[in-house]
PDB file of N, CA and C in Angstrom:
ATOM      1  N   MET A   1       0.845  -1.263   0.084  1.00  0.00           N
ATOM      2  CA  MET A   1      -0.042   0.021   0.020  1.00  0.00           C
ATOM      3  C   MET A   1       0.976   1.158  -0.080  1.00  0.00           C
ATOM      4  N   PHE A   2       0.444   2.313  -0.863  1.00  0.00           N
ATOM      5  CA  PHE A   2       1.242   3.391  -1.022  1.00  0.00           C
ATOM      6  C   PHE A   2       1.667   4.094   0.192  1.00  0.00           C
ATOM      7  N   SER A   3       0.697   4.306   1.027  1.00  0.00           N
ATOM      8  CA  SER A   3       0.767   5.062   2.167  1.00  0.00           C
ATOM      9  C   SER A   3       1.748   4.552   3.199  1.00  0.00           C
ATOM     10  N   LEU A   4       1.696   3.279   3.352  1.00  0.00           N
ATOM     11  CA  LEU A   4       2.736   2.629   4.278  1.00  0.00           C
ATOM     12  C   LEU A   4       4.310   2.668   3.563  1.00  0.00           C
ATOM     13  N   ARG A   5       4.292   2.369   2.318  1.00  0.00           N
ATOM     14  CA  ARG A   5       5.550   2.409   1.621  1.00  0.00           C
ATOM     15  C   ARG A   5       6.295   3.804   1.865  1.00  0.00           C
ATOM     16  N   LEU A   6       5.344   4.809   1.679  1.00  0.00           N
ATOM     17  CA  LEU A   6       5.815   6.045   1.736  1.00  0.00           C
ATOM     18  C   LEU A   6       6.420   6.604   3.085  1.00  0.00           C
ATOM     19  N   LYS A   7       5.501   6.177   4.081  1.00  0.00           N
ATOM     20  CA  LYS A   7       6.126   6.483   5.546  1.00  0.00           C
ATOM     21  C   LYS A   7       7.268   5.650   5.751  1.00  0.00           C
ATOM     22  N   GLU A   8       7.330   4.514   5.426  1.00  0.00           N
ATOM     23  CA  GLU A   8       8.637   3.701   5.567  1.00  0.00           C
ATOM     24  C   GLU A   8       9.863   4.285   4.864  1.00  0.00           C
ATOM     25  N   LEU A   9       9.714   4.754   3.666  1.00  0.00           N
ATOM     26  CA  LEU A   9      10.885   5.303   2.895  1.00  0.00           C
ATOM     27  C   LEU A   9      11.420   6.583   3.616  1.00  0.00           C
ATOM     28  N   ARG A  10      10.258   7.356   3.928  1.00  0.00           N
ATOM     29  CA  ARG A  10      10.552   8.812   4.833  1.00  0.00           C
ATOM     30  C   ARG A  10      11.265   8.465   6.005  1.00  0.00           C
ATOM     31  N   GLN A  11      10.918   7.523   6.821  1.00  0.00           N
ATOM     32  CA  GLN A  11      11.448   7.266   8.058  1.00  0.00           C
ATOM     33  C   GLN A  11      12.855   6.595   7.888  1.00  0.00           C
ATOM     34  N   LYS A  12      12.891   5.692   6.913  1.00  0.00           N
ATOM     35  CA  LYS A  12      14.298   5.175   6.676  1.00  0.00           C
ATOM     36  C   LYS A  12      15.344   6.097   6.094  1.00  0.00           C
ATOM     37  N   ASN A  13      15.089   7.114   5.600  1.00  0.00           N
ATOM     38  CA  ASN A  13      15.761   8.360   5.165  1.00  0.00           C
ATOM     39  C   ASN A  13      16.041   9.537   6.394  1.00  0.00           C
ATOM     40  N   ASN A  14      15.420   9.085   7.550  1.00  0.00           N
ATOM     41  CA  ASN A  14      15.479  10.095   8.541  1.00  0.00           C
ATOM     42  C   ASN A  14      14.969  11.491   8.386  1.00  0.00           C
ATOM     43  N   LEU A  15      13.716  11.478   7.645  1.00  0.00           N
ATOM     44  CA  LEU A  15      13.107  12.669   7.328  1.00  0.00           C
ATOM     45  C   LEU A  15      11.853  12.821   8.138  1.00  0.00           C
ATOM     46  N   SER A  16      11.634  13.896   8.841  1.00  0.00           N
ATOM     47  CA  SER A  16      10.353  14.246   9.420  1.00  0.00           C
ATOM     48  C   SER A  16       9.417  14.554   8.229  1.00  0.00           C
ATOM     49  N   GLN A  17       7.975  14.603   8.678  1.00  0.00           N
ATOM     50  CA  GLN A  17       7.157  15.058   7.650  1.00  0.00           C
ATOM     51  C   GLN A  17       7.326  16.532   7.204  1.00  0.00           C
ATOM     52  N   LYS A  18       7.565  17.230   8.086  1.00  0.00           N
ATOM     53  CA  LYS A  18       7.858  18.499   7.852  1.00  0.00           C
ATOM     54  C   LYS A  18       8.990  18.700   6.710  1.00  0.00           C
ATOM     55  N   GLU A  19      10.088  18.071   7.060  1.00  0.00           N
ATOM     56  CA  GLU A  19      11.510  18.106   6.083  1.00  0.00           C
ATOM     57  C   GLU A  19      11.007  17.615   4.808  1.00  0.00           C
ATOM     58  N   PHE A  20      10.102  16.538   4.701  1.00  0.00           N
ATOM     59  CA  PHE A  20       9.774  15.869   3.527  1.00  0.00           C
ATOM     60  C   PHE A  20       8.949  16.673   2.762  1.00  0.00           C
ATOM     61  N   ALA A  21       8.024  17.517   3.468  1.00  0.00           N
ATOM     62  CA  ALA A  21       7.059  18.337   2.774  1.00  0.00           C
ATOM     63  C   ALA A  21       7.800  19.351   2.112  1.00  0.00           C
ATOM     64  N   GLU A  22       8.866  20.092   2.903  1.00  0.00           N
ATOM     65  CA  GLU A  22       9.792  21.281   2.464  1.00  0.00           C
ATOM     66  C   GLU A  22      10.228  20.846   0.991  1.00  0.00           C
ATOM     67  N   ILE A  23      10.841  19.580   1.088  1.00  0.00           N
ATOM     68  CA  ILE A  23      11.615  19.060  -0.169  1.00  0.00           C
ATOM     69  C   ILE A  23      10.644  19.033  -1.276  1.00  0.00           C
ATOM     70  N   LEU A  24       9.528  18.597  -1.198  1.00  0.00           N
ATOM     71  CA  LEU A  24       8.647  18.457  -2.082  1.00  0.00           C
ATOM     72  C   LEU A  24       7.656  19.698  -2.473  1.00  0.00           C
ATOM     73  N   LYS A  25       7.865  20.823  -1.633  1.00  0.00           N
ATOM     74  CA  LYS A  25       7.068  22.027  -1.618  1.00  0.00           C
ATOM     75  C   LYS A  25       5.697  21.877  -1.453  1.00  0.00           C
ATOM     76  N   VAL A  26       5.264  21.109  -0.523  1.00  0.00           N
ATOM     77  CA  VAL A  26       3.901  20.722  -0.379  1.00  0.00           C
ATOM     78  C   VAL A  26       3.676  21.104   1.191  1.00  0.00           C
ATOM     79  N   SER A  27       2.534  21.023   1.674  1.00  0.00           N
ATOM     80  CA  SER A  27       2.273  21.120   3.215  1.00  0.00           C
ATOM     81  C   SER A  27       2.514  19.896   3.891  1.00  0.00           C
ATOM     82  N   THR A  28       2.697  20.164   5.270  1.00  0.00           N
ATOM     83  CA  THR A  28       2.908  18.995   6.076  1.00  0.00           C
ATOM     84  C   THR A  28       1.661  18.235   6.164  1.00  0.00           C
ATOM     85  N   GLY A  29       0.485  18.690   6.126  1.00  0.00           N
ATOM     86  CA  GLY A  29      -0.646  18.144   6.045  1.00  0.00           C
ATOM     87  C   GLY A  29      -0.765  17.350   4.659  1.00  0.00           C
ATOM     88  N   THR A  30      -0.437  17.647   3.620  1.00  0.00           N
ATOM     89  CA  THR A  30      -0.383  16.912   2.489  1.00  0.00           C
ATOM     90  C   THR A  30       0.293  15.634   2.581  1.00  0.00           C
ATOM     91  N   VAL A  31       1.576  15.576   3.147  1.00  0.00           N
ATOM     92  CA  VAL A  31       2.256  14.398   3.443  1.00  0.00           C
ATOM     93  C   VAL A  31       1.511  13.615   4.416  1.00  0.00           C
ATOM     94  N   GLY A  32       1.048  14.260   5.447  1.00  0.00           N
ATOM     95  CA  GLY A  32       0.283  13.445   6.501  1.00  0.00           C
ATOM     96  C   GLY A  32      -0.841  12.669   5.860  1.00  0.00           C
ATOM     97  N   ASN A  33      -1.796  13.366   5.068  1.00  0.00           N
ATOM     98  CA  ASN A  33      -2.925  12.739   4.411  1.00  0.00           C
ATOM     99  C   ASN A  33      -2.477  11.520   3.406  1.00  0.00           C
ATOM    100  N   TRP A  34      -1.136  11.721   2.560  1.00  0.00           N
ATOM    101  CA  TRP A  34      -0.807  10.551   1.928  1.00  0.00           C
ATOM    102  C   TRP A  34      -0.417   9.364   2.828  1.00  0.00           C
ATOM    103  N   GLU A  35       0.205   9.655   3.976  1.00  0.00           N
ATOM    104  CA  GLU A  35       0.670   8.478   4.850  1.00  0.00           C
ATOM    105  C   GLU A  35      -0.464   7.949   5.606  1.00  0.00           C
ATOM    106  N   VAL A  36      -1.569   8.513   5.660  1.00  0.00           N
ATOM    107  CA  VAL A  36      -2.648   7.646   6.385  1.00  0.00           C
ATOM    108  C   VAL A  36      -3.658   7.443   5.143  1.00  0.00           C
ATOM    109  N   GLY A  37      -3.429   7.649   4.054  1.00  0.00           N
ATOM    110  CA  GLY A  37      -4.304   7.127   3.039  1.00  0.00           C
ATOM    111  C   GLY A  37      -5.550   7.682   2.750  1.00  0.00           C
ATOM    112  N   LEU A  38      -5.561   9.072   3.314  1.00  0.00           N
ATOM    113  CA  LEU A  38      -6.696   9.856   2.655  1.00  0.00           C
ATOM    114  C   LEU A  38      -6.508  10.388   1.531  1.00  0.00           C
ATOM    115  N   ARG A  39      -5.499  10.655   0.942  1.00  0.00           N
ATOM    116  CA  ARG A  39      -5.242  11.428  -0.271  1.00  0.00           C
ATOM    117  C   ARG A  39      -3.958  10.553  -0.917  1.00  0.00           C
ATOM    118  N   GLU A  40      -3.770  10.725  -2.227  1.00  0.00           N
ATOM    119  CA  GLU A  40      -2.645  10.245  -2.912  1.00  0.00           C
ATOM    120  C   GLU A  40      -1.944  11.179  -3.999  1.00  0.00           C
ATOM    121  N   PRO A  41      -0.823  11.262  -4.106  1.00  0.00           N
ATOM    122  CA  PRO A  41      -0.128  12.317  -5.215  1.00  0.00           C
ATOM    123  C   PRO A  41      -0.572  11.917  -6.465  1.00  0.00           C
ATOM    124  N   ASP A  42      -0.442  13.055  -7.364  1.00  0.00           N
ATOM    125  CA  ASP A  42      -0.495  12.917  -8.817  1.00  0.00           C
ATOM    126  C   ASP A  42       0.623  12.147  -9.391  1.00  0.00           C
ATOM    127  N   PHE A  43       0.718  11.866 -10.513  1.00  0.00           N
ATOM    128  CA  PHE A  43       1.687  11.176 -11.246  1.00  0.00           C
ATOM    129  C   PHE A  43       3.090  11.988 -11.184  1.00  0.00           C
ATOM    130  N   LYS A  44       2.992  13.321 -11.548  1.00  0.00           N
ATOM    131  CA  LYS A  44       4.328  14.015 -11.552  1.00  0.00           C
ATOM    132  C   LYS A  44       4.872  14.045 -10.097  1.00  0.00           C
ATOM    133  N   MET A  45       4.205  14.124  -9.097  1.00  0.00           N
ATOM    134  CA  MET A  45       4.476  14.077  -7.715  1.00  0.00           C
ATOM    135  C   MET A  45       4.995  12.702  -7.164  1.00  0.00           C
ATOM    136  N   LEU A  46       4.351  11.644  -7.801  1.00  0.00           N
ATOM    137  CA  LEU A  46       4.786  10.310  -7.512  1.00  0.00           C
ATOM    138  C   LEU A  46       6.330   9.943  -8.149  1.00  0.00           C
ATOM    139  N   MET A  47       6.532  10.599  -9.325  1.00  0.00           N
ATOM    140  CA  MET A  47       7.690  10.323  -9.982  1.00  0.00           C
ATOM    141  C   MET A  47       8.912  11.160  -9.231  1.00  0.00           C
ATOM    142  N   LYS A  48       8.486  12.390  -8.607  1.00  0.00           N
ATOM    143  CA  LYS A  48       9.403  13.280  -7.917  1.00  0.00           C
ATOM    144  C   LYS A  48       9.743  12.368  -6.590  1.00  0.00           C
ATOM    145  N   ILE A  49       8.611  11.856  -5.887  1.00  0.00           N
ATOM    146  CA  ILE A  49       9.190  11.094  -4.707  1.00  0.00           C
ATOM    147  C   ILE A  49      10.049   9.951  -5.063  1.00  0.00           C
ATOM    148  N   ALA A  50       9.847   9.151  -6.158  1.00  0.00           N
ATOM    149  CA  ALA A  50      10.508   8.074  -6.496  1.00  0.00           C
ATOM    150  C   ALA A  50      12.009   8.489  -6.735  1.00  0.00           C
ATOM    151  N   ASP A  51      12.170   9.821  -7.479  1.00  0.00           N
ATOM    152  CA  ASP A  51      13.424  10.290  -7.513  1.00  0.00           C
ATOM    153  C   ASP A  51      14.218  10.556  -6.336  1.00  0.00           C
ATOM    154  N   ILE A  52      13.408  11.203  -5.504  1.00  0.00           N
ATOM    155  CA  ILE A  52      14.088  11.561  -4.162  1.00  0.00           C
ATOM    156  C   ILE A  52      14.545  10.297  -3.538  1.00  0.00           C
ATOM    157  N   PHE A  53      13.880   9.189  -3.370  1.00  0.00           N
ATOM    158  CA  PHE A  53      14.248   8.151  -2.590  1.00  0.00           C
ATOM    159  C   PHE A  53      15.018   7.092  -3.595  1.00  0.00           C
ATOM    160  N   ASN A  54      15.355   7.366  -4.761  1.00  0.00           N
ATOM    161  CA  ASN A  54      15.915   6.736  -5.766  1.00  0.00           C
ATOM    162  C   ASN A  54      15.333   5.057  -5.730  1.00  0.00           C
ATOM    163  N   VAL A  55      14.073   5.027  -5.976  1.00  0.00           N
ATOM    164  CA  VAL A  55      13.359   3.819  -6.032  1.00  0.00           C
ATOM    165  C   VAL A  55      12.374   3.947  -7.211  1.00  0.00           C
ATOM    166  N   SER A  56      11.782   2.862  -7.654  1.00  0.00           N
ATOM    167  CA  SER A  56      10.926   2.904  -8.959  1.00  0.00           C
ATOM    168  C   SER A  56       9.492   3.266  -8.206  1.00  0.00           C
ATOM    169  N   CYS A  57       8.711   3.854  -9.200  1.00  0.00           N
ATOM    170  CA  CYS A  57       7.148   4.024  -8.831  1.00  0.00           C
ATOM    171  C   CYS A  57       6.404   2.898  -8.334  1.00  0.00           C
ATOM    172  N   ASP A  58       6.960   1.718  -9.077  1.00  0.00           N
ATOM    173  CA  ASP A  58       6.301   0.349  -8.891  1.00  0.00           C
ATOM    174  C   ASP A  58       6.673  -0.007  -7.362  1.00  0.00           C
ATOM    175  N   TYR A  59       7.865   0.306  -7.037  1.00  0.00           N
ATOM    176  CA  TYR A  59       8.161   0.170  -5.391  1.00  0.00           C
ATOM    177  C   TYR A  59       7.244   0.853  -4.433  1.00  0.00           C
ATOM    178  N   ILE A  60       7.039   2.147  -4.846  1.00  0.00           N
ATOM    179  CA  ILE A  60       6.294   3.044  -3.966  1.00  0.00           C
ATOM    180  C   ILE A  60       5.027   2.670  -3.902  1.00  0.00           C
ATOM    181  N   LEU A  61       4.471   2.248  -4.929  1.00  0.00           N
ATOM    182  CA  LEU A  61       3.067   1.770  -5.231  1.00  0.00           C
ATOM    183  C   LEU A  61       2.770   0.192  -4.629  1.00  0.00           C
ATOM    184  N   ASP A  62       3.871  -0.331  -4.110  1.00  0.00           N
ATOM    185  CA  ASP A  62       3.661  -1.578  -3.549  1.00  0.00           C
ATOM    186  C   ASP A  62       3.065  -2.586  -4.593  1.00  0.00           C
ATOM    187  N   ARG A  63       3.414  -2.679  -5.754  1.00  0.00           N
ATOM    188  CA  ARG A  63       2.738  -3.539  -6.683  1.00  0.00           C
ATOM    189  C   ARG A  63       3.113  -4.960  -6.593  1.00  0.00           C
ATOM    190  N   TYR A  64       3.993  -5.392  -5.691  1.00  0.00           N
ATOM    191  CA  TYR A  64       4.222  -6.847  -5.607  1.00  0.00           C
ATOM    192  C   TYR A  64       3.885  -7.493  -4.280  1.00  0.00           C
ATOM    193  N   SER A  65       3.314  -8.669  -4.437  1.00  0.00           N
ATOM    194  CA  SER A  65       2.816  -9.288  -3.381  1.00  0.00           C
ATOM    195  C   SER A  65       3.961  -9.964  -2.663  1.00  0.00           C
ATOM    196  N   ASN A  66       3.785 -10.737  -1.627  1.00  0.00           N
ATOM    197  CA  ASN A  66       4.946 -11.484  -0.948  1.00  0.00           C
ATOM    198  C   ASN A  66       5.227 -12.605  -1.883  1.00  0.00           C
ATOM    199  N   GLU A  67       4.315 -13.179  -2.767  1.00  0.00           N
ATOM    200  CA  GLU A  67       4.700 -14.195  -3.588  1.00  0.00           C
ATOM    201  C   GLU A  67       5.272 -14.064  -4.809  1.00  0.00           C
ATOM    202  N   GLU A  68       5.315 -12.774  -5.184  1.00  0.00           N
ATOM    203  CA  GLU A  68       6.002 -12.205  -6.414  1.00  0.00           C
ATOM    204  C   GLU A  68       7.613 -11.671  -5.955  1.00  0.00           C
ATOM    205  N   ASP A  69       8.246 -11.763  -6.937  1.00  0.00           N
ATOM    206  CA  ASP A  69       9.630 -11.447  -6.947  1.00  0.00           C
ATOM    207  C   ASP A  69       9.895 -10.065  -7.586  1.00  0.00           C
ATOM    208  N   PRO A  70       9.970  -9.044  -6.828  1.00  0.00           N
ATOM    209  CA  PRO A  70       9.897  -7.638  -7.405  1.00  0.00           C
ATOM    210  C   PRO A  70      11.155  -7.332  -8.300  1.00  0.00           C
ATOM    211  N   GLU A  71      12.237  -8.150  -8.196  1.00  0.00           N
ATOM    212  CA  GLU A  71      13.376  -8.033  -8.966  1.00  0.00           C
ATOM    213  C   GLU A  71      13.353  -8.714 -10.234  1.00  0.00           C
ATOM    214  N   LYS A  72      12.338  -9.506 -10.538  1.00  0.00           N
ATOM    215  CA  LYS A  72      12.389 -10.540 -11.781  1.00  0.00           C
ATOM    216  C   LYS A  72      12.273  -9.699 -12.873  1.00  0.00           C
ATOM    217  N   ASN A  73      11.676  -8.649 -13.103  1.00  0.00           N
ATOM    218  CA  ASN A  73      11.548  -7.944 -14.334  1.00  0.00           C
ATOM    219  C   ASN A  73      12.392  -6.592 -14.165  1.00  0.00           C
ATOM    220  N   LEU A  74      13.323  -6.533 -13.252  1.00  0.00           N
ATOM    221  CA  LEU A  74      14.211  -5.340 -13.428  1.00  0.00           C
ATOM    222  C   LEU A  74      15.534  -5.819 -13.989  1.00  0.00           C
ATOM    223  N   ILE A  75      15.983  -4.756 -14.888  1.00  0.00           N
ATOM    224  CA  ILE A  75      17.411  -5.007 -15.529  1.00  0.00           C
ATOM    225  C   ILE A  75      18.386  -4.190 -14.517  1.00  0.00           C
ATOM    226  N   ARG A  76      19.254  -4.705 -13.968  1.00  0.00           N
ATOM    227  CA  ARG A  76      20.393  -4.224 -13.203  1.00  0.00           C
ATOM    228  C   ARG A  76      21.694  -3.787 -14.223  1.00  0.00           C
ATOM    229  N   ILE A  77      21.953  -2.665 -13.909  1.00  0.00           N
ATOM    230  CA  ILE A  77      23.222  -2.260 -14.653  1.00  0.00           C
ATOM    231  C   ILE A  77      24.405  -1.587 -13.753  1.00  0.00           C
ATOM    232  N   SER A  78      25.401  -2.210 -13.659  1.00  0.00           N
ATOM    233  CA  SER A  78      26.333  -1.788 -12.953  1.00  0.00           C
ATOM    234  C   SER A  78      26.988  -0.456 -13.138  1.00  0.00           C
ATOM    235  N   VAL A  79      27.066   0.392 -12.125  1.00  0.00           N
ATOM    236  CA  VAL A  79      27.435   1.697 -12.181  1.00  0.00           C
ATOM    237  C   VAL A  79      28.499   2.030 -11.318  1.00  0.00           C
ATOM    238  N   SER A  80      29.746   2.526 -11.822  1.00  0.00           N
ATOM    239  CA  SER A  80      30.762   2.953 -11.047  1.00  0.00           C
ATOM    240  C   SER A  80      30.497   4.207 -10.098  1.00  0.00           C
ATOM    241  N   PRO A  81      31.327   4.280  -9.103  1.00  0.00           N
ATOM    242  CA  PRO A  81      30.894   5.532  -8.362  1.00  0.00           C
ATOM    243  C   PRO A  81      31.140   6.781  -9.228  1.00  0.00           C
ATOM    244  N   ILE A  82      32.032   6.827 -10.003  1.00  0.00           N
ATOM    245  CA  ILE A  82      32.176   8.000 -10.837  1.00  0.00           C
ATOM    246  C   ILE A  82      30.897   8.229 -11.785  1.00  0.00           C
ATOM    247  N   GLU A  83      30.478   7.045 -12.483  1.00  0.00           N
ATOM    248  CA  GLU A  83      29.356   7.196 -13.269  1.00  0.00           C
ATOM    249  C   GLU A  83      28.109   7.567 -12.420  1.00  0.00           C
ATOM    250  N   ASN A  84      28.030   6.967 -11.186  1.00  0.00           N
ATOM    251  CA  ASN A  84      26.964   7.539 -10.315  1.00  0.00           C
ATOM    252  C   ASN A  84      26.959   9.156 -10.163  1.00  0.00           C
ATOM    253  N   GLU A  85      28.040   9.534  -9.826  1.00  0.00           N
ATOM    254  CA  GLU A  85      28.381  10.831  -9.598  1.00  0.00           C
ATOM    255  C   GLU A  85      27.868  11.735 -10.941  1.00  0.00           C
ATOM    256  N   MET A  86      28.292  11.131 -12.070  1.00  0.00           N
ATOM    257  CA  MET A  86      28.062  11.839 -13.382  1.00  0.00           C
ATOM    258  C   MET A  86      26.529  12.017 -13.512  1.00  0.00           C
ATOM    259  N   LEU A  87      25.909  10.761 -13.376  1.00  0.00           N
ATOM    260  CA  LEU A  87      24.446  10.751 -13.455  1.00  0.00           C
ATOM    261  C   LEU A  87      23.730  11.765 -12.541  1.00  0.00           C
ATOM    262  N   SER A  88      24.192  11.861 -11.318  1.00  0.00           N
ATOM    263  CA  SER A  88      23.583  12.697 -10.282  1.00  0.00           C
ATOM    264  C   SER A  88      23.779  14.141 -10.671  1.00  0.00           C
ATOM    265  N   GLU A  89      24.942  14.527 -10.975  1.00  0.00           N
ATOM    266  CA  GLU A  89      25.151  15.672 -11.570  1.00  0.00           C
ATOM    267  C   GLU A  89      24.322  16.194 -12.897  1.00  0.00           C
ATOM    268  N   PHE A  90      24.215  15.259 -13.730  1.00  0.00           N
ATOM    269  CA  PHE A  90      23.460  15.379 -14.801  1.00  0.00           C
ATOM    270  C   PHE A  90      21.995  15.665 -14.662  1.00  0.00           C
ATOM    271  N   ARG A  91      21.435  14.853 -13.771  1.00  0.00           N
ATOM    272  CA  ARG A  91      19.978  15.001 -13.158  1.00  0.00           C
ATOM    273  C   ARG A  91      19.904  16.359 -12.705  1.00  0.00           C
ATOM    274  N   ASN A  92      20.749  16.829 -11.686  1.00  0.00           N
ATOM    275  CA  ASN A  92      20.627  18.112 -11.083  1.00  0.00           C
ATOM    276  C   ASN A  92      20.542  19.284 -12.080  1.00  0.00           C
ATOM    277  N   VAL A  93      21.782  19.126 -12.934  1.00  0.00           N
ATOM    278  CA  VAL A  93      21.685  20.282 -13.865  1.00  0.00           C
ATOM    279  C   VAL A  93      20.579  20.254 -14.808  1.00  0.00           C
ATOM    280  N   GLY A  94      20.369  19.075 -15.347  1.00  0.00           N
ATOM    281  CA  GLY A  94      19.294  18.838 -16.208  1.00  0.00           C
ATOM    282  C   GLY A  94      17.868  19.411 -15.713  1.00  0.00           C
ATOM    283  N   LYS A  95      17.541  19.156 -14.490  1.00  0.00           N
ATOM    284  CA  LYS A  95      16.269  19.760 -13.758  1.00  0.00           C
ATOM    285  C   LYS A  95      16.332  21.187 -13.932  1.00  0.00           C
ATOM    286  N   LYS A  96      17.433  21.777 -13.769  1.00  0.00           N
ATOM    287  CA  LYS A  96      17.419  23.369 -13.791  1.00  0.00           C
ATOM    288  C   LYS A  96      17.349  23.977 -15.243  1.00  0.00           C
ATOM    289  N   LEU A  97      17.997  23.138 -16.214  1.00  0.00           N
ATOM    290  CA  LEU A  97      18.051  23.440 -17.484  1.00  0.00           C
ATOM    291  C   LEU A  97      16.765  23.373 -18.347  1.00  0.00           C
ATOM    292  N   GLY A  98      15.899  22.361 -18.021  1.00  0.00           N
ATOM    293  CA  GLY A  98      14.785  22.164 -18.829  1.00  0.00           C
ATOM    294  C   GLY A  98      15.055  21.287 -19.952  1.00  0.00           C
ATOM    295  N   PRO A  99      14.052  20.981 -20.837  1.00  0.00           N
ATOM    296  CA  PRO A  99      14.271  20.118 -21.973  1.00  0.00           C
ATOM    297  C   PRO A  99      15.220  20.660 -22.935  1.00  0.00           C
ATOM    298  N   ASP A 100      15.139  21.766 -23.273  1.00  0.00           N
ATOM    299  CA  ASP A 100      16.134  22.425 -24.294  1.00  0.00           C
ATOM    300  C   ASP A 100      17.507  22.407 -23.740  1.00  0.00           C
ATOM    301  N   GLY A 101      17.741  22.694 -22.408  1.00  0.00           N
ATOM    302  CA  GLY A 101      19.087  22.601 -21.937  1.00  0.00           C
ATOM    303  C   GLY A 101      19.541  21.169 -21.820  1.00  0.00           C
ATOM    304  N   GLN A 102      18.637  20.194 -21.485  1.00  0.00           N
ATOM    305  CA  GLN A 102      19.008  18.797 -21.439  1.00  0.00           C
ATOM    306  C   GLN A 102      19.431  18.398 -22.652  1.00  0.00           C
ATOM    307  N   ARG A 103      18.602  18.696 -23.932  1.00  0.00           N
ATOM    308  CA  ARG A 103      19.157  18.269 -25.163  1.00  0.00           C
ATOM    309  C   ARG A 103      20.525  18.805 -25.509  1.00  0.00           C
ATOM    310  N   ALA A 104      20.851  20.169 -25.017  1.00  0.00           N
ATOM    311  CA  ALA A 104      22.077  20.712 -25.445  1.00  0.00           C
ATOM    312  C   ALA A 104      23.224  19.904 -24.584  1.00  0.00           C
ATOM    313  N   LEU A 105      22.822  19.452 -23.363  1.00  0.00           N
ATOM    314  CA  LEU A 105      23.815  18.637 -22.738  1.00  0.00           C
ATOM    315  C   LEU A 105      23.976  17.374 -23.406  1.00  0.00           C
ATOM    316  N   ILE A 106      23.102  16.763 -23.914  1.00  0.00           N
ATOM    317  CA  ILE A 106      23.282  15.567 -24.656  1.00  0.00           C
ATOM    318  C   ILE A 106      24.201  15.833 -25.936  1.00  0.00           C
ATOM    319  N   SER A 107      23.885  16.802 -26.512  1.00  0.00           N
ATOM    320  CA  SER A 107      24.648  17.324 -27.707  1.00  0.00           C
ATOM    321  C   SER A 107      26.267  17.428 -27.438  1.00  0.00           C
ATOM    322  N   ILE A 108      26.457  18.033 -26.266  1.00  0.00           N
ATOM    323  CA  ILE A 108      27.966  18.352 -25.845  1.00  0.00           C
ATOM    324  C   ILE A 108      28.420  16.984 -25.428  1.00  0.00           C
ATOM    325  N   ALA A 109      27.658  16.092 -24.810  1.00  0.00           N
ATOM    326  CA  ALA A 109      28.295  14.815 -24.526  1.00  0.00           C
ATOM    327  C   ALA A 109      28.584  13.878 -25.774  1.00  0.00           C
ATOM    328  N   ASN A 110      27.740  14.086 -26.653  1.00  0.00           N
ATOM    329  CA  ASN A 110      27.975  13.384 -27.972  1.00  0.00           C
ATOM    330  C   ASN A 110      29.210  13.846 -28.612  1.00  0.00           C
ATOM    331  N   ILE A 111      29.318  15.309 -28.792  1.00  0.00           N
ATOM    332  CA  ILE A 111      30.574  15.926 -29.375  1.00  0.00           C
ATOM    333  C   ILE A 111      31.943  15.309 -28.644  1.00  0.00           C
ATOM    334  N   LEU A 112      31.826  15.354 -27.362  1.00  0.00           N
ATOM    335  CA  LEU A 112      32.835  14.824 -26.560  1.00  0.00           C
ATOM    336  C   LEU A 112      33.229  13.401 -27.034  1.00  0.00           C
ATOM    337  N   HIS A 113      32.344  12.558 -26.936  1.00  0.00           N
ATOM    338  CA  HIS A 113      32.389  11.163 -27.237  1.00  0.00           C
ATOM    339  C   HIS A 113      32.997  11.013 -28.750  1.00  0.00           C
ATOM    340  N   ASN A 114      32.547  11.819 -29.539  1.00  0.00           N
ATOM    341  CA  ASN A 114      33.170  11.621 -30.998  1.00  0.00           C
ATOM    342  C   ASN A 114      34.388  12.082 -31.011  1.00  0.00           C
ATOM    343  N   LYS A 115      34.823  13.164 -30.325  1.00  0.00           N
ATOM    344  CA  LYS A 115      36.309  13.621 -30.453  1.00  0.00           C
ATOM    345  C   LYS A 115      37.369  12.523 -29.760  1.00  0.00           C
ATOM    346  N   ILE A 116      36.679  11.881 -28.735  1.00  0.00           N
ATOM    347  CA  ILE A 116      37.660  10.878 -28.054  1.00  0.00           C
ATOM    348  C   ILE A 116      37.877   9.591 -28.905  1.00  0.00           C
ATOM    349  N   GLN A 117      36.946   9.393 -29.934  1.00  0.00           N
ATOM    350  CA  GLN A 117      37.065   8.071 -30.658  1.00  0.00           C
ATOM    351  C   GLN A 117      38.017   8.179 -31.637  1.00  0.00           C
TER     352      GLN A 117
END
């Protein structure tokens, strides 16, 4: 159930409802309503929550029963620490730049890749 999974993730990451609400730019009451099951976030907010906790939306929505293996359909790709840092920075910068800036960053990466070859 979403409400329990959200609360579990928030607590596991040592965030109070207030701190989590501030990160999401919503009220503490909104987070509280999500956690007791009175309300649910929209799709955009669900994706933002998944990004914050670095989990899938499927995980947050608790789509797997005890009998199912949530790992069975996931493709795991090994990422080195430097690749993880690069991805993190790319996400942070990309969020600030928007779609056009993101495309520009991809173009720059492609230019660098072609020069190295």
